[in-house]
All heavy atoms as atom14 arrays in JSON, in Angstrom:
{
  "sequence": "VDAGDGAGFHWMIFNIGDSRVYSWDGRTLEQLSIDHSAVQELVDAGLI",
  "atom14_mask": [
    [1, 1, 1, 1, 1, 1, 1, 0, 0, 0, 0, 0, 0, 0],
    [1, 1, 1, 1, 1, 1, 1, 1, 0, 0, 0, 0, 0, 0],
    [1, 1, 1, 1, 1, 0, 0, 0, 0, 0, 0, 0, 0, 0],
    [1, 1, 1, 1, 0, 0, 0, 0, 0, 0, 0, 0, 0, 0],
    [1, 1, 1, 1, 1, 1, 1, 1, 0, 0, 0, 0, 0, 0],
    [1, 1, 1, 1, 0, 0, 0, 0, 0, 0, 0, 0, 0, 0],
    [1, 1, 1, 1, 1, 0, 0, 0, 0, 0, 0, 0, 0, 0],
    [1, 1, 1, 1, 0, 0, 0, 0, 0, 0, 0, 0, 0, 0],
    [1, 1, 1, 1, 1, 1, 1, 1, 1, 1, 1, 0, 0, 0],
    [1, 1, 1, 1, 1, 1, 1, 1, 1, 1, 0, 0, 0, 0],
    [1, 1, 1, 1, 1, 1, 1, 1, 1, 1, 1, 1, 1, 1],
    [1, 1, 1, 1, 1, 1, 1, 1, 0, 0, 0, 0, 0, 0],
    [1, 1, 1, 1, 1, 1, 1, 1, 0, 0, 0, 0, 0, 0],
    [1, 1, 1, 1, 1, 1, 1, 1, 1, 1, 1, 0, 0, 0],
    [1, 1, 1, 1, 1, 1, 1, 1, 0, 0, 0, 0, 0, 0],
    [1, 1, 1, 1, 1, 1, 1, 1, 0, 0, 0, 0, 0, 0],
    [1, 1, 1, 1, 0, 0, 0, 0, 0, 0, 0, 0, 0, 0],
    [1, 1, 1, 1, 1, 1, 1, 1, 0, 0, 0, 0, 0, 0],
    [1, 1, 1, 1, 1, 1, 0, 0, 0, 0, 0, 0, 0, 0],
    [1, 1, 1, 1, 1, 1, 1, 1, 1, 1, 1, 0, 0, 0],
    [1, 1, 1, 1, 1, 1, 1, 0, 0, 0, 0, 0, 0, 0],
    [1, 1, 1, 1, 1, 1, 1, 1, 1, 1, 1, 1, 0, 0],
    [1, 1, 1, 1, 1, 1, 0, 0, 0, 0, 0, 0, 0, 0],
    [1, 1, 1, 1, 1, 1, 1, 1, 1, 1, 1, 1, 1, 1],
    [1, 1, 1, 1, 1, 1, 1, 1, 0, 0, 0, 0, 0, 0],
    [1, 1, 1, 1, 0, 0, 0, 0, 0, 0, 0, 0, 0, 0],
    [1, 1, 1, 1, 1, 1, 1, 1, 1, 1, 1, 0, 0, 0],
    [1, 1, 1, 1, 1, 1, 1, 0, 0, 0, 0, 0, 0, 0],
    [1, 1, 1, 1, 1, 1, 1, 1, 0, 0, 0, 0, 0, 0],
    [1, 1, 1, 1, 1, 1, 1, 1, 1, 0, 0, 0, 0, 0],
    [1, 1, 1, 1, 1, 1, 1, 1, 1, 0, 0, 0, 0, 0],
    [1, 1, 1, 1, 1, 1, 1, 1, 0, 0, 0, 0, 0, 0],
    [1, 1, 1, 1, 1, 1, 0, 0, 0, 0, 0, 0, 0, 0],
    [1, 1, 1, 1, 1, 1, 1, 1, 0, 0, 0, 0, 0, 0],
    [1, 1, 1, 1, 1, 1, 1, 1, 0, 0, 0, 0, 0, 0],
    [1, 1, 1, 1, 1, 1, 1, 1, 1, 1, 0, 0, 0, 0],
    [1, 1, 1, 1, 1, 1, 0, 0, 0, 0, 0, 0, 0, 0],
    [1, 1, 1, 1, 1, 0, 0, 0, 0, 0, 0, 0, 0, 0],
    [1, 1, 1, 1, 1, 1, 1, 0, 0, 0, 0, 0, 0, 0],
    [1, 1, 1, 1, 1, 1, 1, 1, 1, 0, 0, 0, 0, 0],
    [1, 1, 1, 1, 1, 1, 1, 1, 1, 0, 0, 0, 0, 0],
    [1, 1, 1, 1, 1, 1, 1, 1, 0, 0, 0, 0, 0, 0],
    [1, 1, 1, 1, 1, 1, 1, 0, 0, 0, 0, 0, 0, 0],
    [1, 1, 1, 1, 1, 1, 1, 1, 0, 0, 0, 0, 0, 0],
    [1, 1, 1, 1, 1, 0, 0, 0, 0, 0, 0, 0, 0, 0],
    [1, 1, 1, 1, 0, 0, 0, 0, 0, 0, 0, 0, 0, 0],
    [1, 1, 1, 1, 1, 1, 1, 1, 0, 0, 0, 0, 0, 0],
    [1, 1, 1, 1, 1, 1, 1, 1, 0, 0, 0, 0, 0, 0]
  ],
  "atom14_positions": [
    [[-11.43, -20.75, 5.5], [-11.7, -21.65, 4.38], [-11.2, -23.04, 4.67], [-10.3, -23.25, 5.46], [-11.02, -21.16, 3.06], [-11.51, -19.85, 2.59], [-9.44, -21.24, 3.19], [0.0, 0.0, 0.0], [0.0, 0.0, 0.0], [0.0, 0.0, 0.0], [0.0, 0.0, 0.0], [0.0, 0.0, 0.0], [0.0, 0.0, 0.0], [0.0, 0.0, 0.0]],
    [[-11.92, -23.98, 4.01], [-11.5, -25.43, 4.09], [-10.66, -25.64, 2.83], [-11.2, -25.6, 1.75], [-12.65, -26.38, 4.17], [-12.27, -27.83, 4.23], [-11.09, -28.16, 4.17], [-13.19, -28.7, 4.42], [0.0, 0.0, 0.0], [0.0, 0.0, 0.0], [0.0, 0.0, 0.0], [0.0, 0.0, 0.0], [0.0, 0.0, 0.0], [0.0, 0.0, 0.0]],
    [[-9.31, -25.73, 3.02], [-8.37, -25.87, 1.8], [-8.52, -27.19, 1.09], [-8.05, -27.32, -0.06], [-7.0, -25.66, 2.29], [0.0, 0.0, 0.0], [0.0, 0.0, 0.0], [0.0, 0.0, 0.0], [0.0, 0.0, 0.0], [0.0, 0.0, 0.0], [0.0, 0.0, 0.0], [0.0, 0.0, 0.0], [0.0, 0.0, 0.0], [0.0, 0.0, 0.0]],
    [[-9.24, -28.17, 1.72], [-9.49, -29.52, 1.02], [-8.24, -30.42, 0.92], [-7.18, -30.01, 1.38], [0.0, 0.0, 0.0], [0.0, 0.0, 0.0], [0.0, 0.0, 0.0], [0.0, 0.0, 0.0], [0.0, 0.0, 0.0], [0.0, 0.0, 0.0], [0.0, 0.0, 0.0], [0.0, 0.0, 0.0], [0.0, 0.0, 0.0], [0.0, 0.0, 0.0]],
    [[-8.51, -31.59, 0.45], [-7.4, -32.58, 0.24], [-6.64, -32.77, 1.52], [-5.38, -33.05, 1.47], [-6.44, -32.11, -0.88], [-7.19, -32.14, -2.23], [-8.16, -32.96, -2.44], [-6.79, -31.29, -3.05], [0.0, 0.0, 0.0], [0.0, 0.0, 0.0], [0.0, 0.0, 0.0], [0.0, 0.0, 0.0], [0.0, 0.0, 0.0], [0.0, 0.0, 0.0]],
    [[-7.31, -32.72, 2.62], [-6.56, -33.06, 3.95], [-5.75, -31.91, 4.45], [-5.02, -32.04, 5.39], [0.0, 0.0, 0.0], [0.0, 0.0, 0.0], [0.0, 0.0, 0.0], [0.0, 0.0, 0.0], [0.0, 0.0, 0.0], [0.0, 0.0, 0.0], [0.0, 0.0, 0.0], [0.0, 0.0, 0.0], [0.0, 0.0, 0.0], [0.0, 0.0, 0.0]],
    [[-5.76, -30.73, 3.75], [-4.96, -29.56, 4.15], [-5.49, -28.92, 5.41], [-4.71, -28.21, 6.06], [-4.8, -28.55, 3.0], [0.0, 0.0, 0.0], [0.0, 0.0, 0.0], [0.0, 0.0, 0.0], [0.0, 0.0, 0.0], [0.0, 0.0, 0.0], [0.0, 0.0, 0.0], [0.0, 0.0, 0.0], [0.0, 0.0, 0.0], [0.0, 0.0, 0.0]],
    [[-6.7, -29.1, 5.6], [-7.39, -28.5, 6.82], [-7.77, -27.1, 6.66], [-7.9, -26.6, 5.52], [0.0, 0.0, 0.0], [0.0, 0.0, 0.0], [0.0, 0.0, 0.0], [0.0, 0.0, 0.0], [0.0, 0.0, 0.0], [0.0, 0.0, 0.0], [0.0, 0.0, 0.0], [0.0, 0.0, 0.0], [0.0, 0.0, 0.0], [0.0, 0.0, 0.0]],
    [[-8.17, -26.44, 7.73], [-8.74, -25.13, 7.74], [-7.68, -24.09, 7.79], [-6.65, -24.17, 8.54], [-9.7, -24.97, 8.92], [-10.95, -25.79, 8.71], [-10.94, -27.06, 9.38], [-12.03, -25.41, 8.0], [-12.07, -27.9, 9.28], [-13.12, -26.26, 7.9], [-13.1, -27.53, 8.5], [0.0, 0.0, 0.0], [0.0, 0.0, 0.0], [0.0, 0.0, 0.0]],
    [[-7.88, -23.05, 6.91], [-6.84, -21.94, 6.9], [-7.67, -20.63, 6.89], [-8.79, -20.52, 6.6], [-6.07, -22.04, 5.56], [-5.09, -23.14, 5.58], [-5.46, -24.52, 5.58], [-3.71, -23.17, 5.52], [-4.36, -25.18, 5.51], [-3.35, -24.49, 5.48], [0.0, 0.0, 0.0], [0.0, 0.0, 0.0], [0.0, 0.0, 0.0], [0.0, 0.0, 0.0]],
    [[-6.9, -19.49, 7.26], [-7.31, -18.11, 6.97], [-6.83, -17.86, 5.63], [-5.63, -17.91, 5.37], [-6.88, -17.26, 8.07], [-7.56, -17.23, 9.29], [-7.17, -17.86, 10.5], [-8.89, -16.78, 9.61], [-8.12, -17.73, 11.43], [-9.15, -17.07, 10.85], [-9.82, -16.17, 8.76], [-10.44, -16.7, 11.54], [-11.01, -15.73, 9.31], [-11.34, -16.04, 10.62]],
    [[-7.72, -17.45, 4.71], [-7.31, -17.07, 3.33], [-7.29, -15.48, 3.34], [-8.26, -14.82, 3.62], [-8.37, -17.56, 2.38], [-8.05, -17.21, 0.88], [-9.2, -18.0, -0.21], [-8.65, -17.27, -1.77], [0.0, 0.0, 0.0], [0.0, 0.0, 0.0], [0.0, 0.0, 0.0], [0.0, 0.0, 0.0], [0.0, 0.0, 0.0], [0.0, 0.0, 0.0]],
    [[-6.07, -14.93, 3.2], [-5.89, -13.5, 3.05], [-5.95, -13.18, 1.6], [-5.3, -13.82, 0.73], [-4.62, -13.1, 3.7], [-4.68, -13.28, 5.21], [-4.23, -11.61, 3.37], [-4.21, -14.6, 5.68], [0.0, 0.0, 0.0], [0.0, 0.0, 0.0], [0.0, 0.0, 0.0], [0.0, 0.0, 0.0], [0.0, 0.0, 0.0], [0.0, 0.0, 0.0]],
    [[-6.68, -12.15, 1.25], [-6.72, -11.66, -0.21], [-6.67, -10.14, -0.33], [-7.08, -9.49, 0.65], [-8.03, -12.2, -0.82], [-9.26, -11.98, -0.11], [-10.08, -10.89, -0.22], [-9.7, -13.0, 0.87], [-11.23, -10.6, 0.55], [-10.9, -12.75, 1.61], [-11.65, -11.59, 1.43], [0.0, 0.0, 0.0], [0.0, 0.0, 0.0], [0.0, 0.0, 0.0]],
    [[-6.06, -9.77, -1.34], [-5.82, -8.27, -1.47], [-5.74, -7.84, -2.9], [-5.12, -8.42, -3.8], [-4.49, -7.91, -0.79], [-4.17, -6.44, -0.82], [-4.94, -5.61, -0.43], [-3.09, -6.1, -1.62], [0.0, 0.0, 0.0], [0.0, 0.0, 0.0], [0.0, 0.0, 0.0], [0.0, 0.0, 0.0], [0.0, 0.0, 0.0], [0.0, 0.0, 0.0]],
    [[-6.37, -6.68, -3.25], [-6.3, -6.01, -4.5], [-6.24, -4.47, -4.13], [-7.28, -3.99, -3.56], [-7.5, -6.27, -5.42], [-7.56, -7.76, -5.64], [-7.31, -5.55, -6.71], [-8.95, -8.13, -6.15], [0.0, 0.0, 0.0], [0.0, 0.0, 0.0], [0.0, 0.0, 0.0], [0.0, 0.0, 0.0], [0.0, 0.0, 0.0], [0.0, 0.0, 0.0]],
    [[-5.18, -3.8, -4.38], [-5.05, -2.4, -4.04], [-4.22, -2.07, -2.88], [-3.27, -2.83, -2.52], [0.0, 0.0, 0.0], [0.0, 0.0, 0.0], [0.0, 0.0, 0.0], [0.0, 0.0, 0.0], [0.0, 0.0, 0.0], [0.0, 0.0, 0.0], [0.0, 0.0, 0.0], [0.0, 0.0, 0.0], [0.0, 0.0, 0.0], [0.0, 0.0, 0.0]],
    [[-4.52, -1.01, -2.14], [-3.65, -0.64, -1.1], [-4.42, -0.53, 0.36], [-3.86, 0.03, 1.25], [-2.98, 0.76, -1.35], [-4.01, 1.9, -1.47], [-5.23, 1.66, -1.52], [-3.55, 3.07, -1.51], [0.0, 0.0, 0.0], [0.0, 0.0, 0.0], [0.0, 0.0, 0.0], [0.0, 0.0, 0.0], [0.0, 0.0, 0.0], [0.0, 0.0, 0.0]],
    [[-5.58, -1.17, 0.4], [-6.08, -1.52, 1.78], [-5.24, -2.67, 2.28], [-4.49, -3.31, 1.49], [-7.53, -1.95, 1.7], [-8.36, -0.78, 1.32], [0.0, 0.0, 0.0], [0.0, 0.0, 0.0], [0.0, 0.0, 0.0], [0.0, 0.0, 0.0], [0.0, 0.0, 0.0], [0.0, 0.0, 0.0], [0.0, 0.0, 0.0], [0.0, 0.0, 0.0]],
    [[-5.27, -2.91, 3.55], [-4.29, -3.87, 4.2], [-4.89, -4.95, 5.09], [-5.96, -4.7, 5.68], [-3.2, -3.03, 4.89], [-2.33, -2.22, 4.02], [-1.19, -1.49, 4.87], [-0.32, -0.69, 4.01], [0.7, 0.03, 4.44], [0.84, 0.12, 5.73], [1.46, 0.65, 3.59], [0.0, 0.0, 0.0], [0.0, 0.0, 0.0], [0.0, 0.0, 0.0]],
    [[-4.15, -6.03, 5.22], [-4.35, -7.09, 6.27], [-3.05, -7.14, 7.07], [-1.96, -7.33, 6.48], [-4.72, -8.37, 5.61], [-4.99, -9.42, 6.77], [-6.05, -8.26, 4.73], [0.0, 0.0, 0.0], [0.0, 0.0, 0.0], [0.0, 0.0, 0.0], [0.0, 0.0, 0.0], [0.0, 0.0, 0.0], [0.0, 0.0, 0.0], [0.0, 0.0, 0.0]],
    [[-3.26, -7.06, 8.37], [-2.11, -7.31, 9.29], [-2.37, -8.45, 10.2], [-3.59, -8.82, 10.41], [-1.93, -6.1, 10.2], [-1.51, -4.71, 9.65], [-2.43, -3.82, 9.12], [-0.16, -4.4, 9.53], [-2.04, -2.62, 8.51], [0.27, -3.22, 9.06], [-0.67, -2.31, 8.55], [-0.19, -1.12, 8.01], [0.0, 0.0, 0.0], [0.0, 0.0, 0.0]],
    [[-1.34, -9.04, 10.74], [-1.5, -10.0, 11.83], [-0.86, -9.44, 13.12], [0.04, -8.6, 12.99], [-0.85, -11.41, 11.59], [0.52, -11.14, 11.43], [0.0, 0.0, 0.0], [0.0, 0.0, 0.0], [0.0, 0.0, 0.0], [0.0, 0.0, 0.0], [0.0, 0.0, 0.0], [0.0, 0.0, 0.0], [0.0, 0.0, 0.0], [0.0, 0.0, 0.0]],
    [[-1.41, -9.78, 14.26], [-0.92, -9.26, 15.6], [-0.81, -10.44, 16.54], [-1.8, -11.18, 16.79], [-1.87, -8.21, 16.14], [-1.7, -7.83, 17.55], [-2.48, -8.12, 18.58], [-0.61, -7.06, 18.01], [-1.98, -7.61, 19.75], [-0.89, -6.95, 19.43], [0.54, -6.51, 17.45], [0.09, -6.22, 20.32], [1.42, -5.79, 18.34], [1.17, -5.68, 19.75]],
    [[0.34, -10.69, 17.04], [0.6, -11.89, 17.95], [0.75, -11.44, 19.42], [1.13, -12.22, 20.26], [1.82, -12.59, 17.45], [3.13, -11.88, 17.61], [3.13, -10.78, 18.08], [4.22, -12.49, 17.26], [0.0, 0.0, 0.0], [0.0, 0.0, 0.0], [0.0, 0.0, 0.0], [0.0, 0.0, 0.0], [0.0, 0.0, 0.0], [0.0, 0.0, 0.0]],
    [[0.37, -10.19, 19.71], [0.51, -9.63, 21.1], [1.78, -8.85, 21.25], [1.84, -8.06, 22.26], [0.0, 0.0, 0.0], [0.0, 0.0, 0.0], [0.0, 0.0, 0.0], [0.0, 0.0, 0.0], [0.0, 0.0, 0.0], [0.0, 0.0, 0.0], [0.0, 0.0, 0.0], [0.0, 0.0, 0.0], [0.0, 0.0, 0.0], [0.0, 0.0, 0.0]],
    [[2.75, -9.08, 20.4], [4.0, -8.29, 20.44], [4.41, -7.61, 19.14], [4.87, -6.56, 19.06], [5.11, -9.17, 20.88], [4.97, -9.63, 22.34], [6.25, -10.45, 22.63], [6.23, -10.92, 24.12], [7.16, -11.55, 24.65], [8.25, -11.94, 24.0], [6.97, -11.97, 25.93], [0.0, 0.0, 0.0], [0.0, 0.0, 0.0], [0.0, 0.0, 0.0]],
    [[4.11, -8.34, 17.96], [4.54, -7.87, 16.72], [3.42, -7.69, 15.72], [2.56, -8.59, 15.58], [5.49, -8.88, 16.1], [6.66, -8.99, 17.02], [6.03, -8.41, 14.79], [0.0, 0.0, 0.0], [0.0, 0.0, 0.0], [0.0, 0.0, 0.0], [0.0, 0.0, 0.0], [0.0, 0.0, 0.0], [0.0, 0.0, 0.0], [0.0, 0.0, 0.0]],
    [[3.32, -6.57, 15.08], [2.36, -6.24, 14.08], [3.04, -6.55, 12.77], [4.13, -5.96, 12.42], [1.91, -4.82, 14.09], [0.84, -4.38, 13.09], [-0.47, -4.98, 13.44], [0.76, -2.86, 12.99], [0.0, 0.0, 0.0], [0.0, 0.0, 0.0], [0.0, 0.0, 0.0], [0.0, 0.0, 0.0], [0.0, 0.0, 0.0], [0.0, 0.0, 0.0]],
    [[2.46, -7.41, 11.91], [3.04, -7.77, 10.65], [2.08, -7.53, 9.51], [0.94, -7.93, 9.53], [3.48, -9.29, 10.61], [4.14, -9.71, 9.28], [4.42, -11.17, 9.32], [4.2, -11.87, 10.31], [4.88, -11.67, 8.14], [0.0, 0.0, 0.0], [0.0, 0.0, 0.0], [0.0, 0.0, 0.0], [0.0, 0.0, 0.0], [0.0, 0.0, 0.0]],
    [[2.49, -6.77, 8.46], [1.7, -6.51, 7.29], [1.71, -7.78, 6.47], [2.81, -8.17, 5.93], [2.13, -5.34, 6.61], [1.22, -4.99, 5.34], [1.68, -3.73, 4.52], [2.36, -2.93, 5.12], [1.25, -3.72, 3.32], [0.0, 0.0, 0.0], [0.0, 0.0, 0.0], [0.0, 0.0, 0.0], [0.0, 0.0, 0.0], [0.0, 0.0, 0.0]],
    [[0.56, -8.45, 6.29], [0.52, -9.68, 5.54], [0.31, -9.41, 3.98], [0.88, -10.05, 3.12], [-0.61, -10.56, 5.96], [-0.52, -11.02, 7.47], [-1.75, -11.89, 7.79], [0.81, -11.85, 7.65], [0.0, 0.0, 0.0], [0.0, 0.0, 0.0], [0.0, 0.0, 0.0], [0.0, 0.0, 0.0], [0.0, 0.0, 0.0], [0.0, 0.0, 0.0]],
    [[-0.48, -8.41, 3.77], [-0.78, -8.02, 2.3], [0.39, -7.16, 1.85], [1.14, -6.52, 2.58], [-2.09, -7.34, 2.24], [-2.09, -6.17, 3.02], [0.0, 0.0, 0.0], [0.0, 0.0, 0.0], [0.0, 0.0, 0.0], [0.0, 0.0, 0.0], [0.0, 0.0, 0.0], [0.0, 0.0, 0.0], [0.0, 0.0, 0.0], [0.0, 0.0, 0.0]],
    [[0.49, -6.96, 0.45], [1.46, -6.17, -0.18], [0.64, -5.13, -1.02], [-0.25, -5.46, -1.79], [2.34, -6.97, -1.08], [3.12, -8.01, -0.33], [3.35, -6.04, -1.82], [3.96, -8.97, -1.16], [0.0, 0.0, 0.0], [0.0, 0.0, 0.0], [0.0, 0.0, 0.0], [0.0, 0.0, 0.0], [0.0, 0.0, 0.0], [0.0, 0.0, 0.0]],
    [[0.97, -3.87, -0.77], [0.3, -2.76, -1.38], [0.49, -2.86, -2.92], [1.6, -3.02, -3.46], [0.8, -1.36, -1.0], [0.41, -1.12, 0.53], [-0.31, -1.91, 1.13], [0.87, -0.14, 1.03], [0.0, 0.0, 0.0], [0.0, 0.0, 0.0], [0.0, 0.0, 0.0], [0.0, 0.0, 0.0], [0.0, 0.0, 0.0], [0.0, 0.0, 0.0]],
    [[-0.62, -2.67, -3.63], [-0.52, -2.6, -5.1], [-0.51, -1.01, -5.41], [-1.57, -0.53, -5.67], [-1.66, -3.28, -5.82], [-1.7, -4.7, -5.55], [-2.88, -5.45, -5.32], [-0.71, -5.7, -5.42], [-2.61, -6.71, -5.13], [-1.22, -6.85, -5.24], [0.0, 0.0, 0.0], [0.0, 0.0, 0.0], [0.0, 0.0, 0.0], [0.0, 0.0, 0.0]],
    [[0.63, -0.45, -5.3], [0.72, 1.02, -5.43], [1.91, 1.38, -6.14], [2.95, 0.66, -6.13], [0.6, 1.68, -4.09], [1.85, 1.3, -3.3], [0.0, 0.0, 0.0], [0.0, 0.0, 0.0], [0.0, 0.0, 0.0], [0.0, 0.0, 0.0], [0.0, 0.0, 0.0], [0.0, 0.0, 0.0], [0.0, 0.0, 0.0], [0.0, 0.0, 0.0]],
    [[1.95, 2.6, -6.68], [3.1, 3.04, -7.38], [4.33, 3.29, -6.44], [5.53, 2.9, -6.78], [2.8, 4.41, -8.06], [0.0, 0.0, 0.0], [0.0, 0.0, 0.0], [0.0, 0.0, 0.0], [0.0, 0.0, 0.0], [0.0, 0.0, 0.0], [0.0, 0.0, 0.0], [0.0, 0.0, 0.0], [0.0, 0.0, 0.0], [0.0, 0.0, 0.0]],
    [[4.13, 3.8, -5.19], [5.26, 3.92, -4.39], [5.79, 2.63, -3.83], [6.93, 2.49, -3.58], [4.84, 4.85, -3.14], [4.57, 6.25, -3.64], [3.63, 4.28, -2.36], [0.0, 0.0, 0.0], [0.0, 0.0, 0.0], [0.0, 0.0, 0.0], [0.0, 0.0, 0.0], [0.0, 0.0, 0.0], [0.0, 0.0, 0.0], [0.0, 0.0, 0.0]],
    [[4.98, 1.63, -3.63], [5.42, 0.24, -3.28], [6.34, -0.3, -4.35], [7.39, -0.92, -4.02], [4.26, -0.69, -2.99], [4.76, -2.05, -2.47], [5.43, -1.97, -1.17], [4.94, -1.31, -0.16], [6.65, -2.53, -1.07], [0.0, 0.0, 0.0], [0.0, 0.0, 0.0], [0.0, 0.0, 0.0], [0.0, 0.0, 0.0], [0.0, 0.0, 0.0]],
    [[6.04, -0.11, -5.58], [6.93, -0.56, -6.63], [8.19, 0.2, -6.64], [9.28, -0.4, -6.92], [6.15, -0.34, -8.06], [4.91, -1.22, -8.23], [4.34, -1.14, -9.6], [4.74, -0.29, -10.33], [3.41, -1.89, -9.92], [0.0, 0.0, 0.0], [0.0, 0.0, 0.0], [0.0, 0.0, 0.0], [0.0, 0.0, 0.0], [0.0, 0.0, 0.0]],
    [[8.16, 1.48, -6.25], [9.42, 2.17, -6.24], [10.27, 1.76, -5.02], [11.47, 1.63, -5.19], [9.14, 3.69, -6.01], [8.45, 4.39, -7.23], [8.15, 5.84, -6.95], [9.47, 4.4, -8.44], [0.0, 0.0, 0.0], [0.0, 0.0, 0.0], [0.0, 0.0, 0.0], [0.0, 0.0, 0.0], [0.0, 0.0, 0.0], [0.0, 0.0, 0.0]],
    [[9.6, 1.42, -3.92], [10.31, 0.88, -2.71], [10.91, -0.49, -3.16], [12.14, -0.72, -2.84], [9.43, 0.78, -1.56], [10.11, -0.08, -0.43], [8.92, 2.11, -1.02], [0.0, 0.0, 0.0], [0.0, 0.0, 0.0], [0.0, 0.0, 0.0], [0.0, 0.0, 0.0], [0.0, 0.0, 0.0], [0.0, 0.0, 0.0], [0.0, 0.0, 0.0]],
    [[10.17, -1.35, -3.76], [10.64, -2.73, -4.13], [11.79, -2.54, -5.09], [12.7, -3.42, -5.09], [9.52, -3.46, -4.82], [8.41, -3.81, -3.79], [8.59, -3.76, -2.56], [7.28, -4.2, -4.29], [0.0, 0.0, 0.0], [0.0, 0.0, 0.0], [0.0, 0.0, 0.0], [0.0, 0.0, 0.0], [0.0, 0.0, 0.0], [0.0, 0.0, 0.0]],
    [[11.78, -1.59, -5.92], [12.89, -1.43, -6.87], [14.09, -0.72, -6.28], [15.17, -0.6, -6.96], [12.4, -0.61, -8.1], [0.0, 0.0, 0.0], [0.0, 0.0, 0.0], [0.0, 0.0, 0.0], [0.0, 0.0, 0.0], [0.0, 0.0, 0.0], [0.0, 0.0, 0.0], [0.0, 0.0, 0.0], [0.0, 0.0, 0.0], [0.0, 0.0, 0.0]],
    [[13.97, -0.31, -4.95], [15.08, 0.36, -4.35], [15.26, 1.73, -4.77], [16.35, 2.38, -4.48], [0.0, 0.0, 0.0], [0.0, 0.0, 0.0], [0.0, 0.0, 0.0], [0.0, 0.0, 0.0], [0.0, 0.0, 0.0], [0.0, 0.0, 0.0], [0.0, 0.0, 0.0], [0.0, 0.0, 0.0], [0.0, 0.0, 0.0], [0.0, 0.0, 0.0]],
    [[14.26, 2.4, -5.42], [14.41, 3.74, -5.83], [14.09, 4.83, -4.78], [14.47, 5.93, -4.84], [13.5, 4.04, -7.08], [13.86, 3.16, -8.3], [12.87, 3.32, -9.42], [15.28, 3.41, -8.73], [0.0, 0.0, 0.0], [0.0, 0.0, 0.0], [0.0, 0.0, 0.0], [0.0, 0.0, 0.0], [0.0, 0.0, 0.0], [0.0, 0.0, 0.0]],
    [[13.18, 4.44, -3.81], [12.95, 5.28, -2.71], [12.92, 4.44, -1.45], [12.79, 3.18, -1.44], [11.56, 6.01, -2.74], [10.4, 5.02, -2.81], [11.52, 6.89, -4.02], [9.05, 5.72, -2.78], [0.0, 0.0, 0.0], [0.0, 0.0, 0.0], [0.0, 0.0, 0.0], [0.0, 0.0, 0.0], [0.0, 0.0, 0.0], [0.0, 0.0, 0.0]]
  ]
}
């Protein structure tokens, strides 16, 4: 996307649900999106 106002071009990552977007730099795999799931909420709350 073109972010406009001189911000330049960006990759816009978007997510709804528990499909995922990752980035890979040749060494590290990073999950960019956050799962919208019951278990993710439990993890975030420190319950599991």
